[in-house]
PDB file of N, CA and C in Angstrom:
ATOM      1  N   MET A   1      -9.580   3.586  -1.177  1.00  0.00           N
ATOM      2  CA  MET A   1      -8.525   2.607  -1.111  1.00  0.00           C
ATOM      3  C   MET A   1      -7.199   3.262  -0.772  1.00  0.00           C
ATOM      4  N   GLU A   2      -6.917   4.401  -1.403  1.00  0.00           N
ATOM      5  CA  GLU A   2      -5.661   5.094  -1.142  1.00  0.00           C
ATOM      6  C   GLU A   2      -5.586   5.554   0.307  1.00  0.00           C
ATOM      7  N   GLU A   3      -6.711   6.047   0.816  1.00  0.00           N
ATOM      8  CA  GLU A   3      -6.732   6.540   2.190  1.00  0.00           C
ATOM      9  C   GLU A   3      -6.516   5.401   3.174  1.00  0.00           C
ATOM     10  N   LEU A   4      -7.107   4.251   2.903  1.00  0.00           N
ATOM     11  CA  LEU A   4      -6.944   3.090   3.768  1.00  0.00           C
ATOM     12  C   LEU A   4      -5.486   2.640   3.801  1.00  0.00           C
ATOM     13  N   LEU A   5      -4.856   2.538   2.642  1.00  0.00           N
ATOM     14  CA  LEU A   5      -3.458   2.122   2.571  1.00  0.00           C
ATOM     15  C   LEU A   5      -2.555   3.120   3.285  1.00  0.00           C
ATOM     16  N   ALA A   6      -2.794   4.409   3.066  1.00  0.00           N
ATOM     17  CA  ALA A   6      -1.982   5.438   3.719  1.00  0.00           C
ATOM     18  C   ALA A   6      -2.164   5.389   5.236  1.00  0.00           C
ATOM     19  N   TYR A   7      -3.391   5.209   5.694  1.00  0.00           N
ATOM     20  CA  TYR A   7      -3.652   5.142   7.125  1.00  0.00           C
ATOM     21  C   TYR A   7      -2.918   3.960   7.764  1.00  0.00           C
ATOM     22  N   LEU A   8      -3.040   2.788   7.155  1.00  0.00           N
ATOM     23  CA  LEU A   8      -2.384   1.606   7.700  1.00  0.00           C
ATOM     24  C   LEU A   8      -0.870   1.761   7.718  1.00  0.00           C
ATOM     25  N   ALA A   9      -0.320   2.317   6.649  1.00  0.00           N
ATOM     26  CA  ALA A   9       1.131   2.501   6.581  1.00  0.00           C
ATOM     27  C   ALA A   9       1.607   3.506   7.629  1.00  0.00           C
ATOM     28  N   ARG A  10       0.840   4.568   7.864  1.00  0.00           N
ATOM     29  CA  ARG A  10       1.231   5.571   8.860  1.00  0.00           C
ATOM     30  C   ARG A  10       1.299   4.973  10.263  1.00  0.00           C
ATOM     31  N   GLN A  11       0.469   3.973  10.525  1.00  0.00           N
ATOM     32  CA  GLN A  11       0.478   3.337  11.841  1.00  0.00           C
ATOM     33  C   GLN A  11       1.713   2.461  12.046  1.00  0.00           C
ATOM     34  N   LEU A  12       2.363   2.064  10.966  1.00  0.00           N
ATOM     35  CA  LEU A  12       3.494   1.145  11.046  1.00  0.00           C
ATOM     36  C   LEU A  12       4.856   1.831  11.107  1.00  0.00           C
ATOM     37  N   VAL A  13       4.968   3.021  10.571  1.00  0.00           N
ATOM     38  CA  VAL A  13       6.283   3.640  10.365  1.00  0.00           C
ATOM     39  C   VAL A  13       6.639   4.647  11.444  1.00  0.00           C
ATOM     40  N   ASP A  14       7.934   5.017  11.485  1.00  0.00           N
ATOM     41  CA  ASP A  14       8.414   6.032  12.418  1.00  0.00           C
ATOM     42  C   ASP A  14       8.215   7.442  11.875  1.00  0.00           C
ATOM     43  N   ALA A  15       8.166   7.591  10.552  1.00  0.00           N
ATOM     44  CA  ALA A  15       8.005   8.905   9.921  1.00  0.00           C
ATOM     45  C   ALA A  15       6.689   8.936   9.144  1.00  0.00           C
ATOM     46  N   PRO A  16       5.556   9.084   9.844  1.00  0.00           N
ATOM     47  CA  PRO A  16       4.263   9.037   9.141  1.00  0.00           C
ATOM     48  C   PRO A  16       4.044  10.201   8.180  1.00  0.00           C
ATOM     49  N   ASP A  17       4.760  11.301   8.360  1.00  0.00           N
ATOM     50  CA  ASP A  17       4.604  12.444   7.461  1.00  0.00           C
ATOM     51  C   ASP A  17       5.143  12.165   6.066  1.00  0.00           C
ATOM     52  N   GLU A  18       6.019  11.176   5.941  1.00  0.00           N
ATOM     53  CA  GLU A  18       6.624  10.872   4.642  1.00  0.00           C
ATOM     54  C   GLU A  18       5.871   9.802   3.866  1.00  0.00           C
ATOM     55  N   VAL A  19       4.768   9.321   4.404  1.00  0.00           N
ATOM     56  CA  VAL A  19       3.969   8.299   3.713  1.00  0.00           C
ATOM     57  C   VAL A  19       3.096   8.976   2.667  1.00  0.00           C
ATOM     58  N   ARG A  20       3.149   8.450   1.451  1.00  0.00           N
ATOM     59  CA  ARG A  20       2.243   8.940   0.410  1.00  0.00           C
ATOM     60  C   ARG A  20       1.893   7.783  -0.523  1.00  0.00           C
ATOM     61  N   VAL A  21       0.726   7.881  -1.111  1.00  0.00           N
ATOM     62  CA  VAL A  21       0.241   6.834  -2.003  1.00  0.00           C
ATOM     63  C   VAL A  21      -0.073   7.474  -3.349  1.00  0.00           C
ATOM     64  N   GLU A  22       0.501   6.908  -4.402  1.00  0.00           N
ATOM     65  CA  GLU A  22       0.216   7.369  -5.762  1.00  0.00           C
ATOM     66  C   GLU A  22      -0.656   6.329  -6.450  1.00  0.00           C
ATOM     67  N   ARG A  23      -1.648   6.818  -7.167  1.00  0.00           N
ATOM     68  CA  ARG A  23      -2.575   5.933  -7.876  1.00  0.00           C
ATOM     69  C   ARG A  23      -2.308   6.015  -9.377  1.00  0.00           C
ATOM     70  N   HIS A  24      -2.192   4.853 -10.010  1.00  0.00           N
ATOM     71  CA  HIS A  24      -1.989   4.771 -11.455  1.00  0.00           C
ATOM     72  C   HIS A  24      -2.991   3.773 -12.014  1.00  0.00           C
ATOM     73  N   GLU A  25      -3.400   3.991 -13.233  1.00  0.00           N
ATOM     74  CA  GLU A  25      -4.282   3.052 -13.914  1.00  0.00           C
ATOM     75  C   GLU A  25      -3.428   2.069 -14.701  1.00  0.00           C
ATOM     76  N   GLY A  26      -3.661   0.780 -14.490  1.00  0.00           N
ATOM     77  CA  GLY A  26      -2.934  -0.251 -15.219  1.00  0.00           C
ATOM     78  C   GLY A  26      -3.490  -0.434 -16.616  1.00  0.00           C
ATOM     79  N   SER A  27      -2.860  -1.318 -17.368  1.00  0.00           N
ATOM     80  CA  SER A  27      -3.251  -1.528 -18.763  1.00  0.00           C
ATOM     81  C   SER A  27      -4.605  -2.219 -18.903  1.00  0.00           C
ATOM     82  N   SER A  28      -4.948  -3.089 -17.971  1.00  0.00           N
ATOM     83  CA  SER A  28      -6.198  -3.839 -18.102  1.00  0.00           C
ATOM     84  C   SER A  28      -7.283  -3.310 -17.162  1.00  0.00           C
ATOM     85  N   GLY A  29      -7.241  -2.005 -16.860  1.00  0.00           N
ATOM     86  CA  GLY A  29      -8.234  -1.419 -15.985  1.00  0.00           C
ATOM     87  C   GLY A  29      -7.938  -1.642 -14.508  1.00  0.00           C
ATOM     88  N   GLU A  30      -6.784  -2.224 -14.228  1.00  0.00           N
ATOM     89  CA  GLU A  30      -6.380  -2.476 -12.860  1.00  0.00           C
ATOM     90  C   GLU A  30      -5.828  -1.194 -12.241  1.00  0.00           C
ATOM     91  N   VAL A  31      -6.110  -0.976 -10.976  1.00  0.00           N
ATOM     92  CA  VAL A  31      -5.591   0.175 -10.258  1.00  0.00           C
ATOM     93  C   VAL A  31      -4.290  -0.231  -9.574  1.00  0.00           C
ATOM     94  N   VAL A  32      -3.236   0.556  -9.773  1.00  0.00           N
ATOM     95  CA  VAL A  32      -1.955   0.300  -9.128  1.00  0.00           C
ATOM     96  C   VAL A  32      -1.744   1.383  -8.084  1.00  0.00           C
ATOM     97  N   LEU A  33      -1.609   0.967  -6.823  1.00  0.00           N
ATOM     98  CA  LEU A  33      -1.327   1.896  -5.733  1.00  0.00           C
ATOM     99  C   LEU A  33       0.140   1.736  -5.354  1.00  0.00           C
ATOM    100  N   GLU A  34       0.875   2.818  -5.459  1.00  0.00           N
ATOM    101  CA  GLU A  34       2.302   2.800  -5.155  1.00  0.00           C
ATOM    102  C   GLU A  34       2.511   3.475  -3.807  1.00  0.00           C
ATOM    103  N   LEU A  35       2.984   2.727  -2.826  1.00  0.00           N
ATOM    104  CA  LEU A  35       3.188   3.220  -1.471  1.00  0.00           C
ATOM    105  C   LEU A  35       4.626   3.689  -1.312  1.00  0.00           C
ATOM    106  N   HIS A  36       4.794   4.966  -0.963  1.00  0.00           N
ATOM    107  CA  HIS A  36       6.121   5.544  -0.747  1.00  0.00           C
ATOM    108  C   HIS A  36       6.285   5.834   0.742  1.00  0.00           C
ATOM    109  N   VAL A  37       7.400   5.366   1.311  1.00  0.00           N
ATOM    110  CA  VAL A  37       7.725   5.620   2.710  1.00  0.00           C
ATOM    111  C   VAL A  37       9.179   6.066   2.788  1.00  0.00           C
ATOM    112  N   ALA A  38       9.589   6.531   3.972  1.00  0.00           N
ATOM    113  CA  ALA A  38      10.980   6.926   4.191  1.00  0.00           C
ATOM    114  C   ALA A  38      11.877   5.696   4.024  1.00  0.00           C
ATOM    115  N   PRO A  39      13.092   5.893   3.560  1.00  0.00           N
ATOM    116  CA  PRO A  39      13.999   4.743   3.356  1.00  0.00           C
ATOM    117  C   PRO A  39      14.207   3.892   4.617  1.00  0.00           C
ATOM    118  N   ASP A  40      14.224   4.513   5.777  1.00  0.00           N
ATOM    119  CA  ASP A  40      14.420   3.766   7.019  1.00  0.00           C
ATOM    120  C   ASP A  40      13.194   2.930   7.391  1.00  0.00           C
ATOM    121  N   ASP A  41      12.044   3.231   6.813  1.00  0.00           N
ATOM    122  CA  ASP A  41      10.804   2.550   7.181  1.00  0.00           C
ATOM    123  C   ASP A  41      10.391   1.441   6.212  1.00  0.00           C
ATOM    124  N   ILE A  42      11.156   1.226   5.172  1.00  0.00           N
ATOM    125  CA  ILE A  42      10.772   0.211   4.187  1.00  0.00           C
ATOM    126  C   ILE A  42      10.672  -1.167   4.829  1.00  0.00           C
ATOM    127  N   GLY A  43      11.624  -1.499   5.691  1.00  0.00           N
ATOM    128  CA  GLY A  43      11.601  -2.796   6.353  1.00  0.00           C
ATOM    129  C   GLY A  43      10.377  -2.986   7.225  1.00  0.00           C
ATOM    130  N   LYS A  44       9.914  -1.916   7.837  1.00  0.00           N
ATOM    131  CA  LYS A  44       8.725  -2.015   8.692  1.00  0.00           C
ATOM    132  C   LYS A  44       7.471  -2.256   7.874  1.00  0.00           C
ATOM    133  N   VAL A  45       7.423  -1.707   6.681  1.00  0.00           N
ATOM    134  CA  VAL A  45       6.249  -1.882   5.822  1.00  0.00           C
ATOM    135  C   VAL A  45       6.267  -3.257   5.149  1.00  0.00           C
ATOM    136  N   ILE A  46       7.452  -3.754   4.835  1.00  0.00           N
ATOM    137  CA  ILE A  46       7.548  -5.063   4.191  1.00  0.00           C
ATOM    138  C   ILE A  46       7.421  -6.185   5.226  1.00  0.00           C
ATOM    139  N   GLY A  47       8.111  -6.068   6.343  1.00  0.00           N
ATOM    140  CA  GLY A  47       8.036  -7.077   7.392  1.00  0.00           C
ATOM    141  C   GLY A  47       8.894  -8.289   7.089  1.00  0.00           C
ATOM    142  N   LYS A  48       8.973  -9.185   8.061  1.00  0.00           N
ATOM    143  CA  LYS A  48       9.744 -10.413   7.880  1.00  0.00           C
ATOM    144  C   LYS A  48       9.096 -11.272   6.817  1.00  0.00           C
ATOM    145  N   GLN A  49       9.900 -11.649   5.839  1.00  0.00           N
ATOM    146  CA  GLN A  49       9.459 -12.483   4.718  1.00  0.00           C
ATOM    147  C   GLN A  49       8.253 -11.899   3.990  1.00  0.00           C
ATOM    148  N   GLY A  50       8.074 -10.571   4.055  1.00  0.00           N
ATOM    149  CA  GLY A  50       7.002  -9.905   3.327  1.00  0.00           C
ATOM    150  C   GLY A  50       5.624 -10.055   3.924  1.00  0.00           C
ATOM    151  N   ARG A  51       5.552 -10.455   5.180  1.00  0.00           N
ATOM    152  CA  ARG A  51       4.243 -10.724   5.785  1.00  0.00           C
ATOM    153  C   ARG A  51       3.383  -9.477   5.925  1.00  0.00           C
ATOM    154  N   ILE A  52       3.979  -8.370   6.343  1.00  0.00           N
ATOM    155  CA  ILE A  52       3.184  -7.148   6.525  1.00  0.00           C
ATOM    156  C   ILE A  52       2.727  -6.611   5.174  1.00  0.00           C
ATOM    157  N   ALA A  53       3.619  -6.625   4.182  1.00  0.00           N
ATOM    158  CA  ALA A  53       3.232  -6.172   2.840  1.00  0.00           C
ATOM    159  C   ALA A  53       2.103  -7.033   2.297  1.00  0.00           C
ATOM    160  N   ARG A  54       2.175  -8.334   2.521  1.00  0.00           N
ATOM    161  CA  ARG A  54       1.120  -9.244   2.064  1.00  0.00           C
ATOM    162  C   ARG A  54      -0.198  -8.932   2.761  1.00  0.00           C
ATOM    163  N   ALA A  55      -0.120  -8.641   4.065  1.00  0.00           N
ATOM    164  CA  ALA A  55      -1.335  -8.306   4.815  1.00  0.00           C
ATOM    165  C   ALA A  55      -1.935  -6.992   4.316  1.00  0.00           C
ATOM    166  N   LEU A  56      -1.082  -5.999   4.038  1.00  0.00           N
ATOM    167  CA  LEU A  56      -1.582  -4.726   3.497  1.00  0.00           C
ATOM    168  C   LEU A  56      -2.287  -4.956   2.163  1.00  0.00           C
ATOM    169  N   ARG A  57      -1.681  -5.767   1.303  1.00  0.00           N
ATOM    170  CA  ARG A  57      -2.292  -6.069   0.001  1.00  0.00           C
ATOM    171  C   ARG A  57      -3.639  -6.753   0.177  1.00  0.00           C
ATOM    172  N   THR A  58      -3.722  -7.672   1.114  1.00  0.00           N
ATOM    173  CA  THR A  58      -4.975  -8.397   1.341  1.00  0.00           C
ATOM    174  C   THR A  58      -6.082  -7.458   1.793  1.00  0.00           C
ATOM    175  N   VAL A  59      -5.773  -6.578   2.724  1.00  0.00           N
ATOM    176  CA  VAL A  59      -6.788  -5.648   3.239  1.00  0.00           C
ATOM    177  C   VAL A  59      -7.244  -4.690   2.143  1.00  0.00           C
ATOM    178  N   VAL A  60      -6.304  -4.165   1.368  1.00  0.00           N
ATOM    179  CA  VAL A  60      -6.670  -3.216   0.312  1.00  0.00           C
ATOM    180  C   VAL A  60      -7.466  -3.915  -0.789  1.00  0.00           C
ATOM    181  N   LYS A  61      -7.077  -5.128  -1.145  1.00  0.00           N
ATOM    182  CA  LYS A  61      -7.836  -5.873  -2.159  1.00  0.00           C
ATOM    183  C   LYS A  61      -9.248  -6.172  -1.677  1.00  0.00           C
ATOM    184  N   ALA A  62      -9.387  -6.508  -0.396  1.00  0.00           N
ATOM    185  CA  ALA A  62     -10.726  -6.759   0.152  1.00  0.00           C
ATOM    186  C   ALA A  62     -11.567  -5.496   0.117  1.00  0.00           C
ATOM    187  N   SER A  63     -10.954  -4.359   0.374  1.00  0.00           N
ATOM    188  CA  SER A  63     -11.665  -3.081   0.302  1.00  0.00           C
ATOM    189  C   SER A  63     -12.076  -2.767  -1.135  1.00  0.00           C
ATOM    190  N   ALA A  64     -11.236  -3.147  -2.086  1.00  0.00           N
ATOM    191  CA  ALA A  64     -11.518  -2.847  -3.489  1.00  0.00           C
ATOM    192  C   ALA A  64     -12.651  -3.678  -4.048  1.00  0.00           C
ATOM    193  N   VAL A  65     -12.959  -4.793  -3.429  1.00  0.00           N
ATOM    194  CA  VAL A  65     -14.051  -5.646  -3.905  1.00  0.00           C
ATOM    195  C   VAL A  65     -15.363  -4.868  -3.908  1.00  0.00           C
ATOM    196  N   GLN A  66     -15.529  -3.964  -2.947  1.00  0.00           N
ATOM    197  CA  GLN A  66     -16.754  -3.163  -2.872  1.00  0.00           C
ATOM    198  C   GLN A  66     -16.939  -2.293  -4.106  1.00  0.00           C
ATOM    199  N   THR A  67     -15.840  -1.844  -4.694  1.00  0.00           N
ATOM    200  CA  THR A  67     -15.930  -0.991  -5.877  1.00  0.00           C
ATOM    201  C   THR A  67     -15.915  -1.793  -7.172  1.00  0.00           C
ATOM    202  N   GLY A  68     -15.595  -3.085  -7.067  1.00  0.00           N
ATOM    203  CA  GLY A  68     -15.558  -3.912  -8.263  1.00  0.00           C
ATOM    204  C   GLY A  68     -14.304  -3.722  -9.091  1.00  0.00           C
ATOM    205  N   ARG A  69     -13.253  -3.186  -8.512  1.00  0.00           N
ATOM    206  CA  ARG A  69     -12.001  -2.954  -9.241  1.00  0.00           C
ATOM    207  C   ARG A  69     -10.939  -3.911  -8.742  1.00  0.00           C
ATOM    208  N   ARG A  70      -9.964  -4.187  -9.590  1.00  0.00           N
ATOM    209  CA  ARG A  70      -8.799  -4.974  -9.183  1.00  0.00           C
ATOM    210  C   ARG A  70      -7.709  -3.995  -8.777  1.00  0.00           C
ATOM    211  N   VAL A  71      -7.010  -4.308  -7.700  1.00  0.00           N
ATOM    212  CA  VAL A  71      -5.991  -3.411  -7.154  1.00  0.00           C
ATOM    213  C   VAL A  71      -4.692  -4.180  -6.971  1.00  0.00           C
ATOM    214  N   HIS A  72      -3.601  -3.520  -7.309  1.00  0.00           N
ATOM    215  CA  HIS A  72      -2.263  -4.057  -7.071  1.00  0.00           C
ATOM    216  C   HIS A  72      -1.502  -3.031  -6.239  1.00  0.00           C
ATOM    217  N   VAL A  73      -0.871  -3.478  -5.146  1.00  0.00           N
ATOM    218  CA  VAL A  73      -0.135  -2.581  -4.255  1.00  0.00           C
ATOM    219  C   VAL A  73       1.351  -2.822  -4.429  1.00  0.00           C
ATOM    220  N   GLU A  74       2.105  -1.742  -4.669  1.00  0.00           N
ATOM    221  CA  GLU A  74       3.559  -1.819  -4.788  1.00  0.00           C
ATOM    222  C   GLU A  74       4.173  -0.963  -3.683  1.00  0.00           C
ATOM    223  N   VAL A  75       5.254  -1.455  -3.088  1.00  0.00           N
ATOM    224  CA  VAL A  75       5.961  -0.700  -2.054  1.00  0.00           C
ATOM    225  C   VAL A  75       7.218  -0.117  -2.686  1.00  0.00           C
ATOM    226  N   ALA A  76       7.349   1.204  -2.595  1.00  0.00           N
ATOM    227  CA  ALA A  76       8.510   1.889  -3.155  1.00  0.00           C
ATOM    228  C   ALA A  76       9.205   2.677  -2.050  1.00  0.00           C
ATOM    229  N   GLY A  77      10.468   2.883  -2.225  1.00  0.00           N
ATOM    230  CA  GLY A  77      11.245   3.602  -1.212  1.00  0.00           C
ATOM    231  C   GLY A  77      11.282   5.071  -1.415  1.00  0.00           C
TER     232      GLY A  77
END
């Protein structure tokens, strides 16, 4: 899941070397993936009205269904 999110984010940004994904375990067994990008690229990852961020969350959640885990994606600067 982390690799998929990082790959998709690298395709969207101008500084792909600064993309990193941190994985944390939530309180209810949920996996939290925190996406870090360069400050100039935050808008590209979020998109107009959050459409790109929503699409990233949808793809990662669909990927997580195979493992049977719940995933939450957060975008951080």
